[in-house]
């Protein structure tokens, strides 16, 4: 007898260090939010959501411009 296992979907979110690298890159290269999103190939909305989640942008998606340890 062959059973069928349920399908499990998992969303993997990048670690804080990923967002910290992007934060520092934005500061070092003086990039705006749209410029950073284009440079890394990520939707601007997704970039802002991740940066807000880890405290690199404020709640209005404005960069805090604080360098952080990666």
C-alpha atoms as a PDB file:
ATOM      1  CA  UNK A   1       0.000   0.000   0.000  1.00  0.00           C
ATOM      2  CA  UNK A   2       1.340   3.403  -0.993  1.00  0.00           C
ATOM      3  CA  UNK A   3       0.300   6.390   1.092  1.00  0.00           C
ATOM      4  CA  UNK A   4       0.161   9.967   0.020  1.00  0.00           C
ATOM      5  CA  UNK A   5       1.882  12.496   2.213  1.00  0.00           C
ATOM      6  CA  UNK A   6       0.410  15.952   2.628  1.00  0.00           C
ATOM      7  CA  UNK A   7       2.199  18.773   0.882  1.00  0.00           C
ATOM      8  CA  UNK A   8       3.870  21.226   3.204  1.00  0.00           C
ATOM      9  CA  UNK A   9       4.764  24.693   1.998  1.00  0.00           C
ATOM     10  CA  UNK A  10       7.400  26.634   3.875  1.00  0.00           C
ATOM     11  CA  UNK A  11       8.394  30.228   3.310  1.00  0.00           C
ATOM     12  CA  UNK A  12      12.042  30.853   4.096  1.00  0.00           C
ATOM     13  CA  UNK A  13      12.917  34.369   5.128  1.00  0.00           C
ATOM     14  CA  UNK A  14      16.494  35.581   4.831  1.00  0.00           C
ATOM     15  CA  UNK A  15      18.341  35.954   8.119  1.00  0.00           C
ATOM     16  CA  UNK A  16      18.945  39.291   9.801  1.00  0.00           C
ATOM     17  CA  UNK A  17      22.501  39.326   8.456  1.00  0.00           C
ATOM     18  CA  UNK A  18      21.157  39.447   4.871  1.00  0.00           C
ATOM     19  CA  UNK A  19      19.181  42.603   5.664  1.00  0.00           C
ATOM     20  CA  UNK A  20      22.122  44.051   7.617  1.00  0.00           C
ATOM     21  CA  UNK A  21      24.365  43.676   4.552  1.00  0.00           C
ATOM     22  CA  UNK A  22      21.756  45.465   2.422  1.00  0.00           C
ATOM     23  CA  UNK A  23      21.460  48.220   5.026  1.00  0.00           C
ATOM     24  CA  UNK A  24      25.217  48.792   5.066  1.00  0.00           C
ATOM     25  CA  UNK A  25      25.381  48.620   1.255  1.00  0.00           C
ATOM     26  CA  UNK A  26      22.704  51.300   0.993  1.00  0.00           C
ATOM     27  CA  UNK A  27      24.656  53.540   3.372  1.00  0.00           C
ATOM     28  CA  UNK A  28      28.058  52.938   1.741  1.00  0.00           C
ATOM     29  CA  UNK A  29      26.827  53.558  -1.809  1.00  0.00           C
ATOM     30  CA  UNK A  30      24.359  56.354  -0.900  1.00  0.00           C
ATOM     31  CA  UNK A  31      21.474  54.501  -2.601  1.00  0.00           C
ATOM     32  CA  UNK A  32      17.820  55.459  -2.405  1.00  0.00           C
ATOM     33  CA  UNK A  33      15.279  52.737  -1.630  1.00  0.00           C
ATOM     34  CA  UNK A  34      14.303  52.299  -5.329  1.00  0.00           C
ATOM     35  CA  UNK A  35      17.978  52.218  -6.368  1.00  0.00           C
ATOM     36  CA  UNK A  36      18.797  49.542  -3.788  1.00  0.00           C
ATOM     37  CA  UNK A  37      15.778  47.457  -4.816  1.00  0.00           C
ATOM     38  CA  UNK A  38      16.806  47.609  -8.482  1.00  0.00           C
ATOM     39  CA  UNK A  39      20.442  46.843  -7.677  1.00  0.00           C
ATOM     40  CA  UNK A  40      19.603  43.637  -5.795  1.00  0.00           C
ATOM     41  CA  UNK A  41      16.651  42.606  -7.991  1.00  0.00           C
ATOM     42  CA  UNK A  42      14.046  42.694  -5.234  1.00  0.00           C
ATOM     43  CA  UNK A  43      10.617  44.314  -5.307  1.00  0.00           C
ATOM     44  CA  UNK A  44      10.672  47.616  -3.453  1.00  0.00           C
ATOM     45  CA  UNK A  45       7.735  46.527  -1.277  1.00  0.00           C
ATOM     46  CA  UNK A  46       9.541  43.330  -0.230  1.00  0.00           C
ATOM     47  CA  UNK A  47      12.734  45.258   0.487  1.00  0.00           C
ATOM     48  CA  UNK A  48      10.874  47.723   2.705  1.00  0.00           C
ATOM     49  CA  UNK A  49       9.000  44.958   4.536  1.00  0.00           C
ATOM     50  CA  UNK A  50      12.223  43.131   5.365  1.00  0.00           C
ATOM     51  CA  UNK A  51      14.060  46.259   6.407  1.00  0.00           C
ATOM     52  CA  UNK A  52      11.155  47.343   8.637  1.00  0.00           C
ATOM     53  CA  UNK A  53      10.944  43.875  10.195  1.00  0.00           C
ATOM     54  CA  UNK A  54      14.578  44.055  11.326  1.00  0.00           C
ATOM     55  CA  UNK A  55      14.485  47.735  12.325  1.00  0.00           C
ATOM     56  CA  UNK A  56      16.647  49.165   9.545  1.00  0.00           C
ATOM     57  CA  UNK A  57      13.744  51.311   8.272  1.00  0.00           C
ATOM     58  CA  UNK A  58      11.122  53.052  10.399  1.00  0.00           C
ATOM     59  CA  UNK A  59       7.429  52.154  10.143  1.00  0.00           C
ATOM     60  CA  UNK A  60       7.015  54.522   7.166  1.00  0.00           C
ATOM     61  CA  UNK A  61       9.804  52.697   5.250  1.00  0.00           C
ATOM     62  CA  UNK A  62      12.284  55.522   5.740  1.00  0.00           C
ATOM     63  CA  UNK A  63      15.860  54.265   6.141  1.00  0.00           C
ATOM     64  CA  UNK A  64      17.386  54.855   9.584  1.00  0.00           C
ATOM     65  CA  UNK A  65      20.923  55.078   8.102  1.00  0.00           C
ATOM     66  CA  UNK A  66      22.567  53.375  11.080  1.00  0.00           C
ATOM     67  CA  UNK A  67      25.463  51.067  10.223  1.00  0.00           C
ATOM     68  CA  UNK A  68      25.129  47.695  11.922  1.00  0.00           C
ATOM     69  CA  UNK A  69      27.318  44.680  12.548  1.00  0.00           C
ATOM     70  CA  UNK A  70      26.758  41.859  10.105  1.00  0.00           C
END
